[in-house]
Protein backbone atom coordinates (compact mmCIF):
# COMPACT_ATOMS: atom_id res chain seq x y z
CA MET A 1 23.14 -103.71 39.82
CA TYR A 2 20.37 -106.25 40.36
CA LYS A 3 19.90 -106.56 36.59
CA PHE A 4 23.00 -108.76 36.55
CA ILE A 5 21.26 -111.45 38.61
CA LYS A 6 20.54 -114.44 36.41
CA ASP A 7 17.31 -116.42 36.51
CA GLU A 8 19.40 -119.24 37.97
CA ASN A 9 19.51 -117.60 41.39
CA LEU A 10 20.56 -119.03 44.75
CA ILE A 11 17.11 -119.97 46.02
CA GLN A 12 16.11 -123.62 46.20
CA LYS A 13 14.71 -124.87 42.88
CA ILE A 14 11.55 -126.95 42.96
CA ILE A 15 11.30 -129.03 39.80
CA SER A 16 7.96 -130.71 40.39
CA SER A 17 5.20 -131.14 42.96
CA PHE A 18 2.91 -134.14 43.48
CA HIS A 19 1.00 -135.98 46.19
CA ASP A 20 -0.15 -139.37 47.38
CA TYR A 21 -2.86 -140.24 49.89
CA ASP A 22 -0.97 -138.82 52.87
CA ASN A 23 1.44 -136.11 51.74
CA PHE A 24 2.36 -133.39 49.29
CA TYR A 25 5.87 -133.86 47.86
CA PHE A 26 8.27 -131.32 46.37
CA VAL A 27 11.03 -132.52 44.04
CA SER A 28 14.08 -130.29 44.37
CA LYS A 29 17.12 -129.71 42.24
CA PHE A 30 20.02 -131.86 43.43
CA TYR A 31 22.63 -130.08 45.54
CA ASP A 32 26.17 -131.19 46.19
CA GLY A 33 26.29 -130.89 49.97
CA PHE A 34 25.86 -128.65 53.00
CA ILE A 35 28.07 -125.66 53.78
CA ASN A 36 28.59 -126.99 57.31
CA ASN A 37 30.96 -129.55 55.75
CA HIS A 38 33.36 -126.58 55.57
CA LEU A 39 33.07 -125.66 59.26
CA SER A 40 35.90 -127.97 60.27
CA TYR A 41 38.47 -125.24 59.54
CA ILE A 42 38.85 -121.48 60.04
CA TRP A 43 37.73 -119.47 57.03
CA ASN A 44 39.74 -116.71 55.41
CA GLU A 45 38.21 -113.33 54.65
CA ASN A 46 37.57 -114.16 50.98
CA GLN A 47 35.40 -117.09 52.04
CA ILE A 48 33.45 -114.94 54.50
CA GLN A 49 32.97 -112.32 51.79
CA PHE A 50 31.72 -114.89 49.25
CA PHE A 51 29.50 -116.53 51.88
CA SER A 52 27.97 -113.13 52.68
CA ALA A 53 27.48 -112.26 49.01
CA CYS A 54 25.54 -115.50 48.45
CA LEU A 55 23.24 -114.65 51.36
CA ILE A 56 22.79 -111.10 50.11
CA GLU A 57 21.66 -112.40 46.72
CA CYS A 58 19.19 -114.65 48.56
CA PHE A 59 17.93 -111.64 50.52
CA ILE A 60 17.36 -109.75 47.27
CA ASN A 61 15.25 -112.57 45.88
CA LEU A 62 13.37 -113.09 49.13
CA ARG A 63 12.40 -109.43 49.19
CA LYS A 64 11.15 -109.69 45.61
CA GLU A 65 8.79 -112.42 46.81
CA LYS A 66 8.03 -110.48 50.05
CA LEU A 67 9.30 -113.44 52.07
CA ILE A 68 11.11 -113.61 55.41
CA HIS A 69 12.86 -116.99 55.63
CA ARG A 70 13.03 -116.96 59.46
CA ASP A 71 15.27 -120.04 59.79
CA ILE A 72 18.54 -119.28 58.00
CA HIS A 73 21.32 -121.41 59.48
CA PHE A 74 24.20 -123.56 58.24
CA GLY A 75 21.97 -126.61 57.84
CA ASN A 76 19.76 -124.74 55.38
CA LEU A 77 22.63 -123.63 53.15
CA VAL A 78 23.70 -126.08 50.44
CA LEU A 79 26.32 -125.96 47.70
CA ASP A 80 25.57 -126.31 44.01
CA ASN A 81 27.93 -127.71 41.38
CA LYS A 82 29.85 -124.40 41.32
CA GLU A 83 30.16 -124.35 45.11
CA TYR A 84 27.83 -121.37 45.42
CA LEU A 85 25.60 -121.34 48.49
CA ASN A 86 21.89 -121.88 47.94
CA LEU A 87 19.14 -121.32 50.51
CA ILE A 88 16.69 -124.17 51.11
CA ASP A 89 13.87 -125.23 53.44
CA PHE A 90 11.09 -122.67 53.26
CA HIS A 91 8.54 -124.39 55.48
CA THR A 92 8.76 -121.62 58.10
CA ALA A 93 8.94 -118.75 55.59
CA MET A 94 6.38 -115.99 55.97
CA ASN A 95 4.88 -113.60 53.46
CA TYR A 96 5.56 -110.22 55.05
CA SER A 97 2.88 -108.48 53.01
CA PHE A 98 0.00 -110.42 54.64
CA LYS A 99 -1.57 -107.99 57.08
CA ASN A 100 -3.17 -110.76 59.15
CA ASP A 101 0.05 -112.75 59.64
CA HIS A 102 1.41 -112.98 63.14
CA LYS A 103 4.90 -111.47 63.07
CA LEU A 104 5.69 -112.15 66.73
CA ASP A 105 6.42 -115.90 66.67
CA ILE A 106 9.82 -117.28 67.67
CA ILE A 107 10.85 -119.37 64.67
CA GLY A 108 13.97 -121.34 63.82
CA SER A 109 17.26 -121.92 65.61
CA PRO A 110 17.05 -119.74 68.76
CA GLU A 111 20.82 -119.30 69.06
CA LEU A 112 20.74 -117.33 65.78
CA CYS A 113 17.45 -115.49 66.23
CA ALA A 114 17.28 -111.73 66.02
CA PRO A 115 16.69 -110.11 69.43
CA GLU A 116 13.35 -108.65 68.32
CA MET A 117 12.12 -112.18 67.58
CA ILE A 118 13.22 -113.51 70.98
CA ASN A 119 11.59 -110.49 72.67
CA ARG A 120 8.39 -111.20 70.70
CA LEU A 121 8.46 -107.80 69.04
CA GLU A 122 7.36 -107.33 65.45
CA TYR A 123 10.13 -108.27 63.04
CA ASP A 124 10.72 -107.89 59.32
CA TYR A 125 13.26 -108.77 56.60
CA ASN A 126 16.00 -107.36 58.81
CA SER A 127 15.72 -110.33 61.17
CA ASP A 128 17.24 -112.53 58.43
CA TYR A 129 20.20 -110.15 58.21
CA TYR A 130 20.92 -110.61 61.91
CA ARG A 131 21.24 -114.34 61.26
CA LEU A 132 23.94 -113.66 58.66
CA GLY A 133 25.89 -111.70 61.27
CA SER A 134 25.44 -114.51 63.83
CA MET A 135 26.78 -117.10 61.40
CA ILE A 136 29.86 -115.04 60.49
CA TYR A 137 30.46 -114.49 64.22
CA TYR A 138 30.34 -118.25 64.71
CA ILE A 139 32.71 -118.84 61.77
CA ILE A 140 35.33 -116.60 63.42
CA PHE A 141 34.87 -117.40 67.12
CA ARG A 142 33.26 -120.86 67.00
CA LYS A 143 30.48 -119.75 69.29
CA ASN A 144 27.23 -117.85 68.88
CA PRO A 145 27.12 -114.15 69.79
CA ASN A 146 24.31 -114.86 72.25
CA ASP A 147 22.37 -117.65 73.83
CA LEU A 148 19.05 -116.27 72.71
CA ARG A 149 16.88 -119.08 74.02
CA ARG A 150 16.04 -117.01 77.03
CA GLU A 151 15.46 -113.29 77.18
CA LYS A 152 17.73 -112.88 80.23
CA ASN A 153 20.73 -114.10 78.21
CA ILE A 154 20.46 -111.36 75.60
CA LYS A 155 23.15 -108.71 75.68
CA GLU A 156 24.64 -106.24 73.24
CA ILE A 157 27.64 -107.77 71.47
CA LYS A 158 30.36 -105.88 69.64
CA ILE A 159 33.54 -107.41 68.24
CA ASN A 160 36.79 -105.72 69.19
CA ILE A 161 39.35 -105.67 66.38
CA ASN A 162 41.95 -107.04 68.84
CA ASP A 163 39.82 -110.16 69.24
CA ALA A 164 39.90 -110.90 65.51
CA LYS A 165 43.34 -109.81 64.32
CA ASN A 166 43.26 -111.99 61.20
CA TYR A 167 40.37 -110.01 59.76
CA SER A 168 40.15 -106.47 58.38
CA LEU A 169 38.47 -103.51 60.02
CA SER A 170 35.85 -103.48 57.27
CA CYS A 171 35.02 -107.16 57.89
CA ILE A 172 34.60 -106.60 61.63
CA ASP A 173 32.55 -103.46 61.02
CA PHE A 174 30.26 -105.39 58.67
CA ILE A 175 29.61 -108.06 61.31
CA ASN A 176 29.09 -105.50 64.08
CA LYS A 177 26.50 -103.68 61.99
CA LEU A 178 24.64 -106.94 61.33
CA ILE A 179 24.40 -107.95 65.00
CA ILE A 180 23.19 -104.61 66.30
CA PHE A 181 20.24 -105.30 68.58
CA GLU A 182 18.03 -102.40 67.59
CA LYS A 183 16.73 -103.38 64.16
CA SER A 184 16.23 -99.78 63.00
CA LYS A 185 20.00 -99.24 63.40
CA ARG A 186 20.98 -102.54 61.78
CA ILE A 187 22.57 -102.44 58.35
CA GLY A 188 20.03 -103.17 55.62
CA TYR A 189 17.10 -101.73 57.56
CA ASN A 190 16.48 -99.03 54.95
CA SER A 191 17.66 -100.91 51.86
CA ILE A 192 19.52 -104.06 50.83
CA ASP A 193 21.95 -101.67 49.08
CA GLU A 194 23.40 -100.86 52.50
CA LEU A 195 24.87 -104.37 52.62
CA ILE A 196 26.09 -104.35 49.01
CA ASN A 197 27.73 -100.93 49.35
CA HIS A 198 29.50 -101.62 52.65
CA SER A 199 33.28 -101.15 52.55
CA PHE A 200 33.73 -104.89 53.14
CA PHE A 201 32.75 -105.33 49.46
CA LYS A 202 34.76 -102.38 48.16
CA ASP A 203 36.84 -104.53 45.77
CA PHE A 204 34.24 -107.26 45.27
CA ASN A 205 33.10 -107.76 41.65
CA TRP A 206 29.34 -107.97 42.06
CA LYS A 207 28.71 -108.19 38.30
CA GLN A 208 30.97 -111.22 38.02
CA PHE A 209 29.39 -112.75 41.10
CA PHE A 210 25.80 -112.27 39.90
CA ASN A 211 26.75 -113.73 36.51
CA LYS A 212 28.11 -116.80 38.33
CA SER A 213 31.47 -116.43 36.58
CA MET A 214 33.35 -115.88 39.86
CA THR A 215 35.27 -118.88 41.16
CA SER A 216 34.03 -119.99 44.57
CA PRO A 217 36.69 -119.91 47.32
CA PHE A 218 35.24 -123.12 48.77
CA PRO A 219 37.08 -126.23 47.52
CA LYS A 220 35.17 -129.27 46.35
CA ILE A 221 34.68 -131.84 49.08
CA GLN A 222 34.52 -135.51 48.22
CA ARG A 223 31.04 -136.45 49.33
CA THR A 224 29.96 -139.68 50.95
CA SER A 225 26.40 -140.90 50.65
CA LEU A 226 25.79 -139.70 54.21
CA SER A 227 26.97 -136.13 53.51
CA LEU A 228 24.82 -135.61 50.42
CA CYS A 229 21.69 -133.50 50.75
CA ASN A 230 18.85 -135.77 51.74
CA LYS A 231 16.25 -133.52 53.33
CA ASN A 232 12.73 -134.86 53.05
CA PHE A 233 10.40 -132.11 51.84
CA SER A 234 6.77 -132.98 52.36
CA VAL A 235 3.68 -131.46 53.94
CA SER A 236 0.97 -133.57 55.54
CA LYS A 237 -2.10 -133.50 53.32
CA THR A 238 -4.30 -134.49 56.27
CA ILE A 239 -3.14 -131.52 58.32
CA ALA A 240 -3.61 -129.21 55.35
CA ILE A 241 -7.16 -130.36 54.69
CA ASN A 242 -8.15 -130.37 58.38
CA ALA A 243 -6.92 -126.78 58.67
CA ASN A 244 -9.13 -125.81 55.72
CA ILE A 245 -6.16 -124.65 53.72
CA SER A 246 -8.23 -122.59 51.30
CA LYS A 247 -9.00 -120.18 54.16
CA ASN A 248 -5.84 -120.50 56.20
CA LEU A 249 -3.40 -118.07 54.56
CA ASN A 250 -0.54 -118.90 56.93
CA LEU A 251 -0.53 -122.62 56.13
CA LYS A 252 -1.19 -122.04 52.45
CA ASN A 253 1.74 -119.63 52.28
CA LYS A 254 4.06 -122.16 53.94
CA ILE A 255 3.24 -124.69 51.25
CA ILE A 256 3.51 -122.23 48.39
CA ALA A 257 6.84 -120.98 49.78
CA TYR A 258 8.39 -124.32 48.86
CA ASP A 259 7.52 -123.69 45.24
CA ASN A 260 8.18 -120.04 44.46
CA ILE A 261 8.36 -120.93 40.77
CA ASN A 262 4.72 -121.73 40.15
CA ASP A 263 2.14 -121.49 42.94
CA GLN A 264 -0.56 -122.46 40.44
CA ILE A 265 0.75 -126.04 40.66
CA ILE A 266 0.36 -126.00 44.44
CA ASN A 267 -3.17 -124.60 44.24
CA GLN A 268 -4.13 -127.43 41.86
CA ILE A 269 -2.66 -130.02 44.23
CA ILE A 270 -4.67 -128.51 47.09
CA LYS A 271 -7.84 -128.59 45.01
CA ASN A 272 -7.27 -132.22 44.00
CA ALA A 273 -6.58 -133.19 47.60
CA LYS A 274 -9.79 -131.59 48.85
CA ASP A 275 -11.77 -133.36 46.11
CA LYS A 276 -10.58 -136.80 47.24
């Protein structure tokens, strides 16, 4: 099934990288706006399904790069010219394959964090899946499933079908399996195929979706200059040099994660910066 994914995937595109005396800069593809512009109304099930499919494609590509994003939330999801969701902002991403990386840090929006992250237990790709479940929960109920800023506020959450009568049993089951606290029981723990093959997507045309020929259920929103994407992507060159970036794999990986197209460009920028 993954063979249908086009090279034009739903991960942020970095077009170019350069630097001045103080910073590294990353020039990104232009995006039309943030998905949170659509949070002013209640979504139907088709929109939740399409939203989930976009994140699942992102998860597939993240796993190819061995990356955990760690900060997936509405503010890091933007819409392209076809109104497909794209994942941006990789400055907290972590390469899961690095044996010396610390996988116990609490990263990103705490209200969406996976319980294992809040409890400072080792986490993996599955922690990103919990965030998908938290966002869908918010879309339906307009509140987060947990206040995960403090360990004492964590509790097992399960949606009752009577609390979400406008949504199908398969939709509710999909969410419940994403927000399971024990990561080994969470959907996707064994394989990303568990998400794709869930009954929620029984009639979903994955081939059409991956080929980007499916019409997005999100209508175009007339953008103002203030609602356009204007995130500033830069990394302090001074901090990078002072941390001896050539030996600090964590910091080096954060910079390279911005540009998953060509890390050779980033390495050259680092070399040039150190030679100054």
